[in-house]
Amino acid sequence: MKEGIYVYSEAEEHFGVPWNLSIVRNEQHFGIYLYCSIKKTEKWRIEAERDLKLIAVTGKVRSGNLRNPFGNSEGEVLNWGFPGFITWDELIKDYVIDDSVTVEARVKILKMTGIEKKKLRNFDESTEEFSDVILIVEDQKFFVLRLFLASKSTFFKSLFMDKSEKLPEYTLSDAKSKDFQNFLELFYGESSLDESTIAGILHLADAYDAKLAVQKCEEFLMENSEKTVKEKLKLAHRYKLKNLKIKCLSKITTAAEIRSVLSHDASEMDPSVVGALLQKSLSLIP
């Protein structure tokens, strides 16, 4: 690496936002930066916890973290990092193997404003030619196929009993258009499940009795979600996700973990979970 020349990783998109890393040799130091590569003139802001790490094959790790926001307003930044993360000599000695170094960034997004999730599939007027029904959510029209939705949801099967010749419109209350967009994307085979969409999709999947969508949501929560065990148990109770509940309980093995999932509001907790936690706590008494 030449002095002062930045080397960039390929961009990766998470939550509709492109991210990439860069490294630089800087006056006998090694610098690491995380970039939020949003190209927007409108105001946007991302509040996040960030952790940058150097990882050696021996298991040795050097990390640095911060929590100031990304954004395009005064006082906010598009990139964040450390120009002198580690000395060059220490980097070569402890972290470089075969002329390569492993750099990792972990980002926990706390709040996003001014950023819309990119649509994975269009359900607007451009698909009208291939649609036979219009669903209206918050005044937004979704052009879809009755047969497809009815085959996957008893709610829609009942709703579409009227087989009129004219392209019918149905207004769906108690739903948000963003959540419905994500729900339809999942229905049509797109990978729309992530930490920001799971709650809205699961709510609609349960309300519309879309069993396959509920199953996919449960699988995401079990295998991919980084929500806390307490949050997962709440969702398992609210939507009767038995497999998720069993997996969460299996991970609770200490008194501290039992305390971490208890809620001050008893209505939020499944009585069977309370009973299981009581049994676990009794087993921990010497």
C-alpha atoms as a PDB file:
ATOM      1  CA  MET A   1       0.000   0.000   0.000  1.00  0.00           C
ATOM      2  CA  LYS A   2       1.311   3.393  -0.960  1.00  0.00           C
ATOM      3  CA  GLU A   3       1.232   6.277   1.482  1.00  0.00           C
ATOM      4  CA  GLY A   4      -2.063   8.224   1.407  1.00  0.00           C
ATOM      5  CA  ILE A   5      -3.772   6.035  -1.221  1.00  0.00           C
ATOM      6  CA  TYR A   6      -7.235   4.859  -0.120  1.00  0.00           C
ATOM      7  CA  VAL A   7      -8.342   1.329  -1.018  1.00  0.00           C
ATOM      8  CA  TYR A   8     -12.113   0.753  -1.127  1.00  0.00           C
ATOM      9  CA  SER A   9     -14.220  -2.373  -0.726  1.00  0.00           C
ATOM     10  CA  GLU A  10     -17.190  -3.113  -2.955  1.00  0.00           C
ATOM     11  CA  ALA A  11     -20.422  -1.544  -1.737  1.00  0.00           C
ATOM     12  CA  GLU A  12     -22.931  -3.722   0.116  1.00  0.00           C
ATOM     13  CA  GLU A  13     -26.566  -2.708   0.489  1.00  0.00           C
ATOM     14  CA  HIS A  14     -28.263  -3.120   3.866  1.00  0.00           C
ATOM     15  CA  PHE A  15     -31.672  -1.630   4.761  1.00  0.00           C
ATOM     16  CA  GLY A  16     -31.743   0.144   1.405  1.00  0.00           C
ATOM     17  CA  VAL A  17     -28.440   1.920   2.079  1.00  0.00           C
ATOM     18  CA  PRO A  18     -25.089   1.239   0.306  1.00  0.00           C
ATOM     19  CA  TRP A  19     -22.100   0.799   2.647  1.00  0.00           C
ATOM     20  CA  ASN A  20     -18.422   0.239   2.002  1.00  0.00           C
ATOM     21  CA  LEU A  21     -15.087   0.205   3.829  1.00  0.00           C
ATOM     22  CA  SER A  22     -11.805   1.873   2.996  1.00  0.00           C
ATOM     23  CA  ILE A  23      -8.276   1.436   4.327  1.00  0.00           C
ATOM     24  CA  VAL A  24      -5.246   3.696   4.009  1.00  0.00           C
ATOM     25  CA  ARG A  25      -1.572   3.835   4.971  1.00  0.00           C
ATOM     26  CA  ASN A  26      -1.243   7.120   6.817  1.00  0.00           C
ATOM     27  CA  GLU A  27       2.133   8.313   8.190  1.00  0.00           C
ATOM     28  CA  GLN A  28       3.219   4.895   9.480  1.00  0.00           C
ATOM     29  CA  HIS A  29      -0.295   4.157  10.687  1.00  0.00           C
ATOM     30  CA  PHE A  30      -3.123   2.074   9.250  1.00  0.00           C
ATOM     31  CA  GLY A  31      -6.476   3.844   8.904  1.00  0.00           C
ATOM     32  CA  ILE A  32      -9.959   2.306   8.579  1.00  0.00           C
ATOM     33  CA  TYR A  33     -13.157   4.092   7.533  1.00  0.00           C
ATOM     34  CA  LEU A  34     -16.800   3.116   7.098  1.00  0.00           C
ATOM     35  CA  TYR A  35     -18.717   4.961   4.353  1.00  0.00           C
ATOM     36  CA  CYS A  36     -22.450   5.502   4.060  1.00  0.00           C
ATOM     37  CA  SER A  37     -22.668   6.067   0.292  1.00  0.00           C
ATOM     38  CA  ILE A  38     -26.040   7.796  -0.053  1.00  0.00           C
ATOM     39  CA  LYS A  39     -26.329  10.212  -2.966  1.00  0.00           C
ATOM     40  CA  LYS A  40     -29.309  12.358  -2.010  1.00  0.00           C
ATOM     41  CA  THR A  41     -29.796  16.110  -1.848  1.00  0.00           C
ATOM     42  CA  GLU A  42     -32.806  15.810   0.485  1.00  0.00           C
ATOM     43  CA  LYS A  43     -32.080  15.716   4.201  1.00  0.00           C
ATOM     44  CA  TRP A  44     -31.380  12.247   5.625  1.00  0.00           C
ATOM     45  CA  ARG A  45     -29.948  10.901   8.853  1.00  0.00           C
ATOM     46  CA  ILE A  46     -28.906   7.517  10.259  1.00  0.00           C
ATOM     47  CA  GLU A  47     -28.315   7.060  13.970  1.00  0.00           C
ATOM     48  CA  ALA A  48     -26.209   3.953  14.476  1.00  0.00           C
ATOM     49  CA  GLU A  49     -23.724   2.189  16.689  1.00  0.00           C
ATOM     50  CA  ARG A  50     -20.580   1.227  14.741  1.00  0.00           C
ATOM     51  CA  ASP A  51     -17.729  -1.103  15.544  1.00  0.00           C
ATOM     52  CA  LEU A  52     -14.654  -1.437  13.303  1.00  0.00           C
ATOM     53  CA  LYS A  53     -12.396  -4.434  13.824  1.00  0.00           C
ATOM     54  CA  LEU A  54      -9.057  -5.816  12.706  1.00  0.00           C
ATOM     55  CA  ILE A  55      -9.093  -9.606  12.984  1.00  0.00           C
ATOM     56  CA  ALA A  56      -6.056 -11.878  13.042  1.00  0.00           C
ATOM     57  CA  VAL A  57      -6.114 -15.594  12.207  1.00  0.00           C
ATOM     58  CA  THR A  58      -4.880 -16.210  15.746  1.00  0.00           C
ATOM     59  CA  GLY A  59      -8.112 -14.783  17.099  1.00  0.00           C
ATOM     60  CA  LYS A  60      -6.587 -11.493  18.174  1.00  0.00           C
ATOM     61  CA  VAL A  61      -8.949  -8.551  17.604  1.00  0.00           C
ATOM     62  CA  ARG A  62      -8.449  -4.790  17.723  1.00  0.00           C
ATOM     63  CA  SER A  63     -11.610  -2.676  17.657  1.00  0.00           C
ATOM     64  CA  GLY A  64     -12.872   0.881  17.824  1.00  0.00           C
ATOM     65  CA  ASN A  65     -16.429   2.187  18.110  1.00  0.00           C
ATOM     66  CA  LEU A  66     -18.499   5.362  18.123  1.00  0.00           C
ATOM     67  CA  ARG A  67     -22.137   6.484  17.926  1.00  0.00           C
ATOM     68  CA  ASN A  68     -22.297   9.849  16.133  1.00  0.00           C
ATOM     69  CA  PRO A  69     -24.879  10.026  13.292  1.00  0.00           C
ATOM     70  CA  PHE A  70     -24.419   9.741   9.544  1.00  0.00           C
ATOM     71  CA  GLY A  71     -26.237  12.378   7.520  1.00  0.00           C
ATOM     72  CA  ASN A  72     -26.002  15.344   5.166  1.00  0.00           C
ATOM     73  CA  SER A  73     -26.837  18.098   7.649  1.00  0.00           C
ATOM     74  CA  GLU A  74     -24.336  20.360   9.367  1.00  0.00           C
ATOM     75  CA  GLY A  75     -22.341  18.469  11.979  1.00  0.00           C
ATOM     76  CA  GLU A  76     -23.116  15.062  10.460  1.00  0.00           C
ATOM     77  CA  VAL A  77     -20.805  12.870   8.384  1.00  0.00           C
ATOM     78  CA  LEU A  78     -20.891  10.550   5.363  1.00  0.00           C
ATOM     79  CA  ASN A  79     -17.974   8.493   6.671  1.00  0.00           C
ATOM     80  CA  TRP A  80     -16.475   7.618  10.005  1.00  0.00           C
ATOM     81  CA  GLY A  81     -13.297   5.933  11.086  1.00  0.00           C
ATOM     82  CA  PHE A  82      -9.820   6.134  12.516  1.00  0.00           C
ATOM     83  CA  PRO A  83      -6.919   7.600  10.509  1.00  0.00           C
ATOM     84  CA  GLY A  84      -4.481   6.013  12.985  1.00  0.00           C
ATOM     85  CA  PHE A  85      -6.294   2.817  13.934  1.00  0.00           C
ATOM     86  CA  ILE A  86      -3.037   0.929  14.519  1.00  0.00           C
ATOM     87  CA  THR A  87       0.657   1.514  13.839  1.00  0.00           C
ATOM     88  CA  TRP A  88       1.954   0.096  10.569  1.00  0.00           C
ATOM     89  CA  ASP A  89       4.588  -2.019  12.318  1.00  0.00           C
ATOM     90  CA  GLU A  90       2.013  -3.591  14.679  1.00  0.00           C
ATOM     91  CA  LEU A  91      -0.305  -4.266  11.740  1.00  0.00           C
ATOM     92  CA  ILE A  92       2.412  -6.113   9.816  1.00  0.00           C
ATOM     93  CA  LYS A  93       3.523  -8.054  12.886  1.00  0.00           C
ATOM     94  CA  ASP A  94       0.152  -9.222  14.236  1.00  0.00           C
ATOM     95  CA  TYR A  95      -2.524  -8.966  11.540  1.00  0.00           C
ATOM     96  CA  VAL A  96      -1.103  -9.371   8.021  1.00  0.00           C
ATOM     97  CA  ILE A  97      -1.063 -12.895   6.585  1.00  0.00           C
ATOM     98  CA  ASP A  98      -0.045 -13.542   2.947  1.00  0.00           C
ATOM     99  CA  ASP A  99      -0.192  -9.791   2.214  1.00  0.00           C
ATOM    100  CA  SER A 100      -3.840  -9.695   3.336  1.00  0.00           C
ATOM    101  CA  VAL A 101      -5.648  -8.197   6.303  1.00  0.00           C
ATOM    102  CA  THR A 102      -9.215  -8.817   7.549  1.00  0.00           C
ATOM    103  CA  VAL A 103     -11.308  -5.765   8.402  1.00  0.00           C
ATOM    104  CA  GLU A 104     -14.873  -6.036   9.699  1.00  0.00           C
ATOM    105  CA  ALA A 105     -17.577  -3.434  10.339  1.00  0.00           C
ATOM    106  CA  ARG A 106     -20.629  -4.122  12.488  1.00  0.00           C
ATOM    107  CA  VAL A 107     -23.422  -1.548  12.355  1.00  0.00           C
ATOM    108  CA  LYS A 108     -26.538  -1.451  14.530  1.00  0.00           C
ATOM    109  CA  ILE A 109     -29.027   1.018  13.064  1.00  0.00           C
ATOM    110  CA  LEU A 110     -31.023   2.772  15.793  1.00  0.00           C
ATOM    111  CA  LYS A 111     -33.089   5.181  13.680  1.00  0.00           C
ATOM    112  CA  MET A 112     -33.351   6.223  10.021  1.00  0.00           C
ATOM    113  CA  THR A 113     -35.057   9.331   8.631  1.00  0.00           C
ATOM    114  CA  GLY A 114     -35.318  10.584   5.063  1.00  0.00           C
ATOM    115  CA  ILE A 115     -34.440   7.186   3.568  1.00  0.00           C
ATOM    116  CA  GLU A 116     -36.965   5.002   1.802  1.00  0.00           C
ATOM    117  CA  LYS A 117     -36.424   1.264   1.390  1.00  0.00           C
ATOM    118  CA  LYS A 118     -35.926   0.437  -2.290  1.00  0.00           C
ATOM    119  CA  LYS A 119     -38.910  -1.423  -3.727  1.00  0.00           C
ATOM    120  CA  LEU A 120     -38.077  -4.971  -4.765  1.00  0.00           C
ATOM    121  CA  ARG A 121     -41.145  -5.224  -7.030  1.00  0.00           C
ATOM    122  CA  ASN A 122     -43.615  -2.750  -8.531  1.00  0.00           C
ATOM    123  CA  PHE A 123     -47.347  -3.023  -7.906  1.00  0.00           C
ATOM    124  CA  ASP A 124     -48.258   0.315  -9.491  1.00  0.00           C
ATOM    125  CA  GLU A 125     -50.071   1.226 -12.743  1.00  0.00           C
ATOM    126  CA  SER A 126     -47.216  -0.259 -14.773  1.00  0.00           C
ATOM    127  CA  THR A 127     -48.520  -3.738 -13.840  1.00  0.00           C
ATOM    128  CA  GLU A 128     -52.208  -2.982 -14.534  1.00  0.00           C
ATOM    129  CA  GLU A 129     -52.211  -5.000 -17.785  1.00  0.00           C
ATOM    130  CA  PHE A 130     -51.358  -8.167 -15.851  1.00  0.00           C
ATOM    131  CA  SER A 131     -53.639  -7.542 -12.847  1.00  0.00           C
ATOM    132  CA  ASP A 132     -57.279  -8.263 -12.121  1.00  0.00           C
ATOM    133  CA  VAL A 133     -57.809  -6.421  -8.836  1.00  0.00           C
ATOM    134  CA  ILE A 134     -56.717  -3.193  -7.146  1.00  0.00           C
ATOM    135  CA  LEU A 135     -56.038  -3.009  -3.425  1.00  0.00           C
ATOM    136  CA  ILE A 136     -55.970   0.445  -1.817  1.00  0.00           C
ATOM    137  CA  VAL A 137     -53.897   1.024   1.310  1.00  0.00           C
ATOM    138  CA  GLU A 138     -53.538   4.571   2.669  1.00  0.00           C
ATOM    139  CA  ASP A 139     -54.758   5.902  -0.716  1.00  0.00           C
ATOM    140  CA  GLN A 140     -51.982   3.996  -2.519  1.00  0.00           C
ATOM    141  CA  LYS A 141     -53.119   1.551  -5.211  1.00  0.00           C
ATOM    142  CA  PHE A 142     -51.608  -1.931  -5.542  1.00  0.00           C
ATOM    143  CA  PHE A 143     -52.335  -3.828  -8.787  1.00  0.00           C
ATOM    144  CA  VAL A 144     -52.302  -7.580  -8.099  1.00  0.00           C
ATOM    145  CA  LEU A 145     -53.756 -10.963  -9.150  1.00  0.00           C
ATOM    146  CA  ARG A 146     -56.715 -12.317  -7.187  1.00  0.00           C
ATOM    147  CA  LEU A 147     -55.918 -15.972  -7.825  1.00  0.00           C
ATOM    148  CA  PHE A 148     -52.361 -15.640  -6.552  1.00  0.00           C
ATOM    149  CA  LEU A 149     -53.285 -13.847  -3.321  1.00  0.00           C
ATOM    150  CA  ALA A 150     -56.358 -16.027  -2.677  1.00  0.00           C
ATOM    151  CA  SER A 151     -54.264 -19.196  -2.999  1.00  0.00           C
ATOM    152  CA  LYS A 152     -51.989 -18.022  -0.170  1.00  0.00           C
ATOM    153  CA  SER A 153     -54.393 -16.213   2.196  1.00  0.00           C
ATOM    154  CA  THR A 154     -57.848 -17.159   3.480  1.00  0.00           C
ATOM    155  CA  PHE A 155     -58.497 -13.448   4.075  1.00  0.00           C
ATOM    156  CA  PHE A 156     -58.048 -12.627   0.404  1.00  0.00           C
ATOM    157  CA  LYS A 157     -59.892 -15.775  -0.705  1.00  0.00           C
ATOM    158  CA  SER A 158     -62.944 -14.568   1.203  1.00  0.00           C
ATOM    159  CA  LEU A 159     -62.479 -10.967   0.075  1.00  0.00           C
ATOM    160  CA  PHE A 160     -62.366 -11.880  -3.623  1.00  0.00           C
ATOM    161  CA  MET A 161     -65.630 -13.853  -3.761  1.00  0.00           C
ATOM    162  CA  ASP A 162     -67.110 -11.126  -5.967  1.00  0.00           C
ATOM    163  CA  LYS A 163     -66.150 -12.095  -9.550  1.00  0.00           C
ATOM    164  CA  SER A 164     -67.247  -8.992 -11.427  1.00  0.00           C
ATOM    165  CA  GLU A 165     -65.951  -8.252 -14.916  1.00  0.00           C
ATOM    166  CA  LYS A 166     -64.783  -4.749 -14.048  1.00  0.00           C
ATOM    167  CA  LEU A 167     -61.368  -4.422 -12.418  1.00  0.00           C
ATOM    168  CA  PRO A 168     -62.525  -4.150  -8.786  1.00  0.00           C
ATOM    169  CA  GLU A 169     -61.022  -2.050  -6.031  1.00  0.00           C
ATOM    170  CA  TYR A 170     -60.879  -2.987  -2.357  1.00  0.00           C
ATOM    171  CA  THR A 171     -59.793  -0.640   0.409  1.00  0.00           C
ATOM    172  CA  LEU A 172     -57.845  -2.320   3.204  1.00  0.00           C
ATOM    173  CA  SER A 173     -58.002  -0.542   6.543  1.00  0.00           C
ATOM    174  CA  ASP A 174     -55.721  -1.030   9.549  1.00  0.00           C
ATOM    175  CA  ALA A 175     -52.633  -1.328   7.342  1.00  0.00           C
ATOM    176  CA  LYS A 176     -49.783   0.923   6.301  1.00  0.00           C
ATOM    177  CA  SER A 177     -48.873   1.165   2.628  1.00  0.00           C
ATOM    178  CA  LYS A 178     -45.138   0.606   3.330  1.00  0.00           C
ATOM    179  CA  ASP A 179     -45.892  -2.555   5.300  1.00  0.00           C
ATOM    180  CA  PHE A 180     -48.264  -3.770   2.575  1.00  0.00           C
ATOM    181  CA  GLN A 181     -45.601  -3.173  -0.093  1.00  0.00           C
ATOM    182  CA  ASN A 182     -43.142  -5.322   1.887  1.00  0.00           C
ATOM    183  CA  PHE A 183     -45.841  -7.950   2.521  1.00  0.00           C
ATOM    184  CA  LEU A 184     -46.642  -8.241  -1.187  1.00  0.00           C
ATOM    185  CA  GLU A 185     -42.948  -8.471  -2.057  1.00  0.00           C
ATOM    186  CA  LEU A 186     -42.625 -11.444   0.294  1.00  0.00           C
ATOM    187  CA  PHE A 187     -45.779 -12.968  -1.200  1.00  0.00           C
ATOM    188  CA  TYR A 188     -44.325 -12.680  -4.688  1.00  0.00           C
ATOM    189  CA  GLY A 189     -41.059 -14.388  -3.734  1.00  0.00           C
ATOM    190  CA  GLU A 190     -38.778 -11.430  -2.991  1.00  0.00           C
ATOM    191  CA  SER A 191     -36.438 -11.318   0.024  1.00  0.00           C
ATOM    192  CA  SER A 192     -38.106  -8.391   1.758  1.00  0.00           C
ATOM    193  CA  LEU A 193     -37.595  -9.595   5.335  1.00  0.00           C
ATOM    194  CA  ASP A 194     -35.089  -7.664   7.434  1.00  0.00           C
ATOM    195  CA  GLU A 195     -34.992  -6.051  10.874  1.00  0.00           C
ATOM    196  CA  SER A 196     -36.869  -2.980   9.655  1.00  0.00           C
ATOM    197  CA  THR A 197     -39.702  -4.849   7.884  1.00  0.00           C
ATOM    198  CA  ILE A 198     -40.304  -8.000   9.949  1.00  0.00           C
ATOM    199  CA  ALA A 199     -42.783  -6.483  12.449  1.00  0.00           C
ATOM    200  CA  GLY A 200     -45.017  -4.941   9.772  1.00  0.00           C
ATOM    201  CA  ILE A 201     -44.972  -8.019   7.527  1.00  0.00           C
ATOM    202  CA  LEU A 202     -45.694 -10.400  10.403  1.00  0.00           C
ATOM    203  CA  HIS A 203     -48.607  -8.242  11.577  1.00  0.00           C
ATOM    204  CA  LEU A 204     -50.239  -8.347   8.136  1.00  0.00           C
ATOM    205  CA  ALA A 205     -49.432 -12.017   7.557  1.00  0.00           C
ATOM    206  CA  ASP A 206     -51.216 -12.853  10.799  1.00  0.00           C
ATOM    207  CA  ALA A 207     -54.149 -10.526  10.104  1.00  0.00           C
ATOM    208  CA  TYR A 208     -54.653 -11.965   6.609  1.00  0.00           C
ATOM    209  CA  ASP A 209     -54.116 -15.588   7.736  1.00  0.00           C
ATOM    210  CA  ALA A 210     -51.246 -15.990   5.279  1.00  0.00           C
ATOM    211  CA  LYS A 211     -49.698 -19.112   6.787  1.00  0.00           C
ATOM    212  CA  LEU A 212     -46.699 -19.384   4.452  1.00  0.00           C
ATOM    213  CA  ALA A 213     -45.789 -15.740   5.073  1.00  0.00           C
ATOM    214  CA  VAL A 214     -46.068 -16.289   8.844  1.00  0.00           C
ATOM    215  CA  GLN A 215     -43.801 -19.339   8.507  1.00  0.00           C
ATOM    216  CA  LYS A 216     -41.187 -17.316   6.598  1.00  0.00           C
ATOM    217  CA  CYS A 217     -41.324 -14.598   9.255  1.00  0.00           C
ATOM    218  CA  GLU A 218     -40.824 -17.157  12.015  1.00  0.00           C
ATOM    219  CA  GLU A 219     -37.886 -18.706  10.163  1.00  0.00           C
ATOM    220  CA  PHE A 220     -36.295 -15.265   9.761  1.00  0.00           C
ATOM    221  CA  LEU A 221     -36.684 -14.543  13.481  1.00  0.00           C
ATOM    222  CA  MET A 222     -35.174 -17.933  14.368  1.00  0.00           C
ATOM    223  CA  GLU A 223     -32.240 -17.945  11.947  1.00  0.00           C
ATOM    224  CA  ASN A 224     -31.366 -14.403  10.880  1.00  0.00           C
ATOM    225  CA  SER A 225     -32.794 -11.755  13.189  1.00  0.00           C
ATOM    226  CA  GLU A 226     -30.587  -9.970  15.710  1.00  0.00           C
ATOM    227  CA  LYS A 227     -33.507  -8.917  17.899  1.00  0.00           C
ATOM    228  CA  THR A 228     -33.129  -9.672  21.594  1.00  0.00           C
ATOM    229  CA  VAL A 229     -34.578 -12.862  23.060  1.00  0.00           C
ATOM    230  CA  LYS A 230     -37.070 -10.693  24.968  1.00  0.00           C
ATOM    231  CA  GLU A 231     -38.291  -9.063  21.752  1.00  0.00           C
ATOM    232  CA  LYS A 232     -38.577 -12.437  20.023  1.00  0.00           C
ATOM    233  CA  LEU A 233     -40.570 -13.920  22.899  1.00  0.00           C
ATOM    234  CA  LYS A 234     -43.010 -11.003  22.696  1.00  0.00           C
ATOM    235  CA  LEU A 235     -43.541 -11.655  18.988  1.00  0.00           C
ATOM    236  CA  ALA A 236     -43.838 -15.403  19.603  1.00  0.00           C
ATOM    237  CA  HIS A 237     -46.570 -14.746  22.188  1.00  0.00           C
ATOM    238  CA  ARG A 238     -48.434 -12.182  20.081  1.00  0.00           C
ATOM    239  CA  TYR A 239     -48.488 -14.283  16.904  1.00  0.00           C
ATOM    240  CA  LYS A 240     -48.422 -17.799  18.426  1.00  0.00           C
ATOM    241  CA  LEU A 241     -45.017 -18.732  16.975  1.00  0.00           C
ATOM    242  CA  LYS A 242     -44.408 -22.008  18.804  1.00  0.00           C
ATOM    243  CA  ASN A 243     -41.073 -22.934  17.201  1.00  0.00           C
ATOM    244  CA  LEU A 244     -39.633 -19.479  17.888  1.00  0.00           C
ATOM    245  CA  LYS A 245     -40.721 -19.704  21.535  1.00  0.00           C
ATOM    246  CA  ILE A 246     -39.066 -23.109  21.963  1.00  0.00           C
ATOM    247  CA  LYS A 247     -35.802 -21.914  20.420  1.00  0.00           C
ATOM    248  CA  CYS A 248     -35.719 -18.761  22.564  1.00  0.00           C
ATOM    249  CA  LEU A 249     -36.310 -20.721  25.764  1.00  0.00           C
ATOM    250  CA  SER A 250     -33.530 -23.148  24.871  1.00  0.00           C
ATOM    251  CA  LYS A 251     -31.055 -20.240  24.802  1.00  0.00           C
ATOM    252  CA  ILE A 252     -31.897 -19.076  28.334  1.00  0.00           C
ATOM    253  CA  THR A 253     -29.549 -20.849  30.745  1.00  0.00           C
ATOM    254  CA  THR A 254     -28.486 -18.315  33.412  1.00  0.00           C
ATOM    255  CA  ALA A 255     -30.184 -16.152  36.042  1.00  0.00           C
ATOM    256  CA  ALA A 256     -29.056 -13.008  34.201  1.00  0.00           C
ATOM    257  CA  GLU A 257     -30.654 -14.248  30.977  1.00  0.00           C
ATOM    258  CA  ILE A 258     -33.895 -15.010  32.835  1.00  0.00           C
ATOM    259  CA  ARG A 259     -33.980 -11.460  34.233  1.00  0.00           C
ATOM    260  CA  SER A 260     -33.274 -10.000  30.790  1.00  0.00           C
ATOM    261  CA  VAL A 261     -36.485 -11.422  29.276  1.00  0.00           C
ATOM    262  CA  LEU A 262     -38.871 -10.576  32.134  1.00  0.00           C
ATOM    263  CA  SER A 263     -41.361  -7.775  31.460  1.00  0.00           C
ATOM    264  CA  HIS A 264     -42.986  -5.331  33.883  1.00  0.00           C
ATOM    265  CA  ASP A 265     -46.217  -5.739  31.894  1.00  0.00           C
ATOM    266  CA  ALA A 266     -47.524  -9.246  32.571  1.00  0.00           C
ATOM    267  CA  SER A 267     -49.873  -9.071  29.561  1.00  0.00           C
ATOM    268  CA  GLU A 268     -46.846  -9.046  27.246  1.00  0.00           C
ATOM    269  CA  MET A 269     -45.661 -12.444  28.490  1.00  0.00           C
ATOM    270  CA  ASP A 270     -46.891 -15.890  27.558  1.00  0.00           C
ATOM    271  CA  PRO A 271     -47.999 -17.737  30.738  1.00  0.00           C
ATOM    272  CA  SER A 272     -46.269 -20.886  29.474  1.00  0.00           C
ATOM    273  CA  VAL A 273     -43.027 -18.905  29.108  1.00  0.00           C
ATOM    274  CA  VAL A 274     -43.377 -17.578  32.666  1.00  0.00           C
ATOM    275  CA  GLY A 275     -43.800 -21.149  33.885  1.00  0.00           C
ATOM    276  CA  ALA A 276     -40.754 -22.353  31.929  1.00  0.00           C
ATOM    277  CA  LEU A 277     -38.648 -19.489  33.299  1.00  0.00           C
ATOM    278  CA  LEU A 278     -39.760 -20.307  36.840  1.00  0.00           C
ATOM    279  CA  GLN A 279     -38.661 -23.908  36.375  1.00  0.00           C
ATOM    280  CA  LYS A 280     -35.307 -22.768  34.987  1.00  0.00           C
ATOM    281  CA  SER A 281     -34.797 -20.385  37.933  1.00  0.00           C
ATOM    282  CA  LEU A 282     -35.586 -23.138  40.453  1.00  0.00           C
ATOM    283  CA  SER A 283     -33.077 -25.437  38.770  1.00  0.00           C
ATOM    284  CA  LEU A 284     -30.380 -22.803  39.281  1.00  0.00           C
ATOM    285  CA  ILE A 285     -30.877 -22.694  43.081  1.00  0.00           C
ATOM    286  CA  PRO A 286     -27.977 -24.600  44.711  1.00  0.00           C
END
